[in-house]
């Protein structure tokens, strides 16, 4: 394989790695932010996914908290998948370079 082609592939994988890391960290931070965001149902403050409000009637807020919990979980999983993909790109790049 020509040396120029090998260097081009490594540079492209490095850019992809940086993009995946930035996206993963942004998604993780966004998921945590969404988890602390307060939700309400029919004018009642339900609290947040990570800390529901004290003294609320559970049935009044269950749907909203469950929906928010699902969204937070999906965003956090997406961030973790981006970071796992970045790790996979790094491992592949190291194996190609070796």
N, C-alpha and C. Protein backbone atom coordinates (compact mmCIF):
# COMPACT_ATOMS: atom_id res chain seq x y z
N UNK A 1 0.84 -1.17 0.00
CA UNK A 1 0.00 0.00 0.00
C UNK A 1 0.89 1.23 0.00
N UNK A 2 0.59 2.23 -0.85
CA UNK A 2 1.40 3.45 -0.88
C UNK A 2 1.29 4.21 0.44
N UNK A 3 2.38 4.86 0.82
CA UNK A 3 2.44 5.58 2.09
C UNK A 3 1.43 6.72 2.14
N UNK A 4 1.19 7.39 1.03
CA UNK A 4 0.25 8.51 1.00
C UNK A 4 -1.17 8.07 1.31
N UNK A 5 -1.57 6.88 0.80
CA UNK A 5 -2.91 6.38 1.05
C UNK A 5 -3.07 6.04 2.52
N UNK A 6 -2.07 5.43 3.12
CA UNK A 6 -2.13 5.03 4.52
C UNK A 6 -2.28 6.25 5.43
N UNK A 7 -1.54 7.32 5.13
CA UNK A 7 -1.61 8.53 5.94
C UNK A 7 -2.99 9.17 5.80
N UNK A 8 -3.57 9.17 4.61
CA UNK A 8 -4.89 9.76 4.38
C UNK A 8 -5.97 9.04 5.17
N UNK A 9 -5.91 7.72 5.21
CA UNK A 9 -6.90 6.95 5.96
C UNK A 9 -6.77 7.25 7.44
N UNK A 10 -5.57 7.31 7.97
CA UNK A 10 -5.36 7.60 9.38
C UNK A 10 -5.87 8.99 9.76
N UNK A 11 -5.65 9.96 8.88
CA UNK A 11 -6.10 11.32 9.17
C UNK A 11 -7.63 11.39 9.17
N UNK A 12 -8.28 10.67 8.25
CA UNK A 12 -9.74 10.66 8.21
C UNK A 12 -10.33 9.99 9.44
N UNK A 13 -9.69 8.93 9.91
CA UNK A 13 -10.19 8.24 11.09
C UNK A 13 -9.99 9.10 12.34
N UNK A 14 -8.95 9.91 12.36
CA UNK A 14 -8.73 10.78 13.50
C UNK A 14 -9.83 11.85 13.57
N UNK A 15 -10.22 12.40 12.45
CA UNK A 15 -11.29 13.39 12.42
C UNK A 15 -12.61 12.75 12.86
N UNK A 16 -12.87 11.55 12.38
CA UNK A 16 -14.09 10.85 12.78
C UNK A 16 -14.07 10.56 14.28
N UNK A 17 -12.91 10.21 14.79
CA UNK A 17 -12.77 9.93 16.22
C UNK A 17 -13.07 11.18 17.04
N UNK A 18 -12.55 12.32 16.63
CA UNK A 18 -12.79 13.56 17.36
C UNK A 18 -14.27 13.94 17.32
N UNK A 19 -14.89 13.77 16.17
CA UNK A 19 -16.31 14.08 16.03
C UNK A 19 -17.14 13.18 16.93
N UNK A 20 -16.81 11.89 16.95
CA UNK A 20 -17.56 10.96 17.80
C UNK A 20 -17.38 11.27 19.28
N UNK A 21 -16.18 11.65 19.68
CA UNK A 21 -15.94 11.99 21.08
C UNK A 21 -16.72 13.24 21.46
N UNK A 22 -16.66 14.26 20.63
CA UNK A 22 -17.39 15.51 20.92
C UNK A 22 -18.89 15.25 20.98
N UNK A 23 -19.41 14.48 20.01
CA UNK A 23 -20.84 14.16 20.00
C UNK A 23 -21.22 13.34 21.23
N UNK A 24 -20.39 12.38 21.60
CA UNK A 24 -20.68 11.55 22.76
C UNK A 24 -20.72 12.34 24.05
N UNK A 25 -19.74 13.21 24.24
CA UNK A 25 -19.71 14.03 25.45
C UNK A 25 -20.89 14.99 25.47
N UNK A 26 -21.20 15.59 24.32
CA UNK A 26 -22.34 16.52 24.25
C UNK A 26 -23.64 15.79 24.57
N UNK A 27 -23.82 14.58 24.05
CA UNK A 27 -25.03 13.83 24.33
C UNK A 27 -25.12 13.43 25.80
N UNK A 28 -24.00 13.02 26.38
CA UNK A 28 -24.01 12.66 27.80
C UNK A 28 -24.35 13.87 28.67
N UNK A 29 -23.74 15.00 28.38
CA UNK A 29 -24.04 16.21 29.16
C UNK A 29 -25.48 16.67 28.93
N UNK A 30 -25.94 16.55 27.69
CA UNK A 30 -27.34 16.90 27.39
C UNK A 30 -28.31 15.98 28.11
N UNK A 31 -28.00 14.70 28.18
CA UNK A 31 -28.85 13.75 28.89
C UNK A 31 -28.93 14.04 30.37
N UNK A 32 -27.79 14.39 30.95
CA UNK A 32 -27.78 14.74 32.37
C UNK A 32 -28.59 16.03 32.59
N UNK A 33 -28.43 16.99 31.69
CA UNK A 33 -29.20 18.23 31.79
C UNK A 33 -30.70 17.98 31.68
N UNK A 34 -31.08 17.11 30.74
CA UNK A 34 -32.49 16.76 30.61
C UNK A 34 -33.00 16.03 31.84
N UNK A 35 -32.16 15.25 32.46
CA UNK A 35 -32.56 14.52 33.65
C UNK A 35 -32.86 15.42 34.83
N UNK A 36 -32.20 16.57 34.90
CA UNK A 36 -32.44 17.50 35.99
C UNK A 36 -33.50 18.56 35.66
N UNK A 37 -33.97 18.56 34.41
CA UNK A 37 -34.98 19.53 34.00
C UNK A 37 -36.31 19.18 34.65
N UNK A 38 -36.98 20.17 35.18
CA UNK A 38 -38.25 19.96 35.87
C UNK A 38 -39.37 19.78 34.85
N UNK A 39 -40.27 18.84 35.13
CA UNK A 39 -41.44 18.61 34.28
C UNK A 39 -42.70 18.86 35.10
N UNK A 40 -43.79 19.14 34.41
CA UNK A 40 -45.06 19.35 35.10
C UNK A 40 -46.18 18.65 34.34
N UNK A 41 -47.23 18.31 35.07
CA UNK A 41 -48.41 17.69 34.48
C UNK A 41 -49.64 18.38 35.03
N UNK A 42 -50.46 18.91 34.15
CA UNK A 42 -51.69 19.63 34.52
C UNK A 42 -51.44 20.67 35.62
N UNK A 43 -50.38 21.43 35.46
CA UNK A 43 -50.08 22.50 36.39
C UNK A 43 -49.40 22.07 37.67
N UNK A 44 -49.11 20.80 37.84
CA UNK A 44 -48.45 20.29 39.04
C UNK A 44 -46.98 20.08 38.73
N UNK A 45 -46.10 20.62 39.57
CA UNK A 45 -44.67 20.42 39.39
C UNK A 45 -44.32 18.99 39.80
N UNK A 46 -43.83 18.21 38.87
CA UNK A 46 -43.50 16.80 39.13
C UNK A 46 -42.06 16.61 39.55
N UNK A 47 -41.26 17.64 39.46
CA UNK A 47 -39.85 17.49 39.75
C UNK A 47 -39.11 17.08 38.49
N UNK A 48 -37.99 16.39 38.66
CA UNK A 48 -37.20 15.95 37.51
C UNK A 48 -37.09 14.43 37.53
N UNK A 49 -36.50 13.91 36.48
CA UNK A 49 -36.32 12.46 36.37
C UNK A 49 -35.43 11.96 37.50
N UNK A 50 -34.37 12.70 37.80
CA UNK A 50 -33.42 12.27 38.82
C UNK A 50 -33.91 12.54 40.24
N UNK A 51 -34.82 13.51 40.39
CA UNK A 51 -35.32 13.84 41.72
C UNK A 51 -36.78 14.29 41.62
N UNK A 52 -37.72 13.34 41.69
CA UNK A 52 -39.14 13.71 41.64
C UNK A 52 -39.50 14.61 42.83
N UNK A 53 -40.50 15.46 42.64
CA UNK A 53 -40.92 16.37 43.69
C UNK A 53 -41.53 15.59 44.86
N UNK A 54 -41.32 16.11 46.05
CA UNK A 54 -41.86 15.46 47.25
C UNK A 54 -43.35 15.79 47.38
N UNK A 55 -44.12 14.83 47.83
CA UNK A 55 -45.53 15.03 48.11
C UNK A 55 -46.44 15.08 46.90
N UNK A 56 -45.98 14.61 45.74
CA UNK A 56 -46.85 14.61 44.56
C UNK A 56 -47.66 13.33 44.52
N UNK A 57 -48.82 13.40 43.92
CA UNK A 57 -49.62 12.20 43.71
C UNK A 57 -48.96 11.42 42.58
N UNK A 58 -48.56 10.18 42.82
CA UNK A 58 -47.81 9.45 41.80
C UNK A 58 -48.51 9.35 40.46
N UNK A 59 -49.80 9.13 40.45
CA UNK A 59 -50.49 8.92 39.17
C UNK A 59 -50.55 10.20 38.35
N UNK A 60 -50.51 11.35 39.00
CA UNK A 60 -50.58 12.61 38.27
C UNK A 60 -49.33 12.84 37.42
N UNK A 61 -48.20 12.33 37.87
CA UNK A 61 -46.94 12.63 37.19
C UNK A 61 -46.26 11.41 36.56
N UNK A 62 -46.80 10.24 36.76
CA UNK A 62 -46.14 9.03 36.26
C UNK A 62 -45.86 9.08 34.76
N UNK A 63 -46.85 9.46 33.99
CA UNK A 63 -46.69 9.50 32.54
C UNK A 63 -45.61 10.46 32.10
N UNK A 64 -45.63 11.66 32.65
CA UNK A 64 -44.63 12.67 32.27
C UNK A 64 -43.23 12.26 32.69
N UNK A 65 -43.11 11.74 33.92
CA UNK A 65 -41.79 11.33 34.39
C UNK A 65 -41.28 10.11 33.61
N UNK A 66 -42.17 9.20 33.26
CA UNK A 66 -41.77 8.04 32.46
C UNK A 66 -41.31 8.46 31.07
N UNK A 67 -42.05 9.38 30.45
CA UNK A 67 -41.65 9.86 29.12
C UNK A 67 -40.31 10.58 29.19
N UNK A 68 -40.14 11.42 30.18
CA UNK A 68 -38.86 12.13 30.34
C UNK A 68 -37.73 11.16 30.63
N UNK A 69 -38.02 10.15 31.45
CA UNK A 69 -37.01 9.14 31.76
C UNK A 69 -36.58 8.37 30.53
N UNK A 70 -37.54 8.08 29.66
CA UNK A 70 -37.21 7.38 28.41
C UNK A 70 -36.33 8.24 27.52
N UNK A 71 -36.65 9.52 27.40
CA UNK A 71 -35.85 10.42 26.57
C UNK A 71 -34.45 10.56 27.14
N UNK A 72 -34.34 10.73 28.45
CA UNK A 72 -33.02 10.85 29.09
C UNK A 72 -32.21 9.58 28.85
N UNK A 73 -32.84 8.42 29.00
CA UNK A 73 -32.14 7.16 28.78
C UNK A 73 -31.65 7.04 27.35
N UNK A 74 -32.49 7.40 26.38
CA UNK A 74 -32.09 7.31 24.98
C UNK A 74 -30.92 8.25 24.66
N UNK A 75 -30.95 9.45 25.20
CA UNK A 75 -29.86 10.40 24.94
C UNK A 75 -28.56 9.91 25.59
N UNK A 76 -28.65 9.39 26.82
CA UNK A 76 -27.45 8.88 27.48
C UNK A 76 -26.88 7.66 26.75
N UNK A 77 -27.75 6.78 26.29
CA UNK A 77 -27.29 5.60 25.54
C UNK A 77 -26.65 6.02 24.23
N UNK A 78 -27.24 7.01 23.55
CA UNK A 78 -26.66 7.50 22.30
C UNK A 78 -25.26 8.08 22.55
N UNK A 79 -25.10 8.81 23.65
CA UNK A 79 -23.78 9.35 23.99
C UNK A 79 -22.78 8.25 24.28
N UNK A 80 -23.22 7.23 25.02
CA UNK A 80 -22.33 6.10 25.32
C UNK A 80 -21.95 5.36 24.05
N UNK A 81 -22.90 5.21 23.13
CA UNK A 81 -22.60 4.53 21.86
C UNK A 81 -21.60 5.34 21.03
N UNK A 82 -21.73 6.65 21.04
CA UNK A 82 -20.75 7.48 20.32
C UNK A 82 -19.36 7.33 20.90
N UNK A 83 -19.26 7.31 22.22
CA UNK A 83 -17.95 7.13 22.84
C UNK A 83 -17.39 5.73 22.58
N UNK A 84 -18.26 4.72 22.57
CA UNK A 84 -17.81 3.36 22.25
C UNK A 84 -17.34 3.28 20.80
N UNK A 85 -18.04 3.97 19.91
CA UNK A 85 -17.62 4.00 18.51
C UNK A 85 -16.29 4.71 18.36
N UNK A 86 -16.08 5.78 19.13
CA UNK A 86 -14.79 6.48 19.09
C UNK A 86 -13.67 5.57 19.56
N UNK A 87 -13.94 4.78 20.58
CA UNK A 87 -12.94 3.82 21.06
C UNK A 87 -12.65 2.77 19.99
N UNK A 88 -13.69 2.30 19.32
CA UNK A 88 -13.51 1.31 18.25
C UNK A 88 -12.69 1.89 17.10
N UNK A 89 -12.95 3.15 16.75
CA UNK A 89 -12.18 3.80 15.69
C UNK A 89 -10.72 3.91 16.09
N UNK A 90 -10.47 4.24 17.35
CA UNK A 90 -9.09 4.36 17.82
C UNK A 90 -8.38 3.01 17.75
N UNK A 91 -9.06 1.95 18.20
CA UNK A 91 -8.46 0.61 18.17
C UNK A 91 -8.17 0.21 16.73
N UNK A 92 -9.12 0.45 15.82
CA UNK A 92 -8.90 0.12 14.41
C UNK A 92 -7.75 0.92 13.83
N UNK A 93 -7.69 2.21 14.18
CA UNK A 93 -6.61 3.04 13.66
C UNK A 93 -5.27 2.55 14.15
N UNK A 94 -5.19 2.16 15.42
CA UNK A 94 -3.93 1.65 15.97
C UNK A 94 -3.53 0.33 15.32
N UNK A 95 -4.50 -0.51 15.00
CA UNK A 95 -4.17 -1.79 14.36
C UNK A 95 -3.72 -1.59 12.92
N UNK A 96 -4.34 -0.64 12.24
CA UNK A 96 -3.95 -0.36 10.86
C UNK A 96 -2.56 0.23 10.83
N UNK A 97 -2.26 1.09 11.79
CA UNK A 97 -0.96 1.75 11.84
C UNK A 97 0.16 0.79 12.20
N UNK A 98 -0.17 -0.29 12.91
CA UNK A 98 0.87 -1.22 13.36
C UNK A 98 1.35 -2.13 12.28
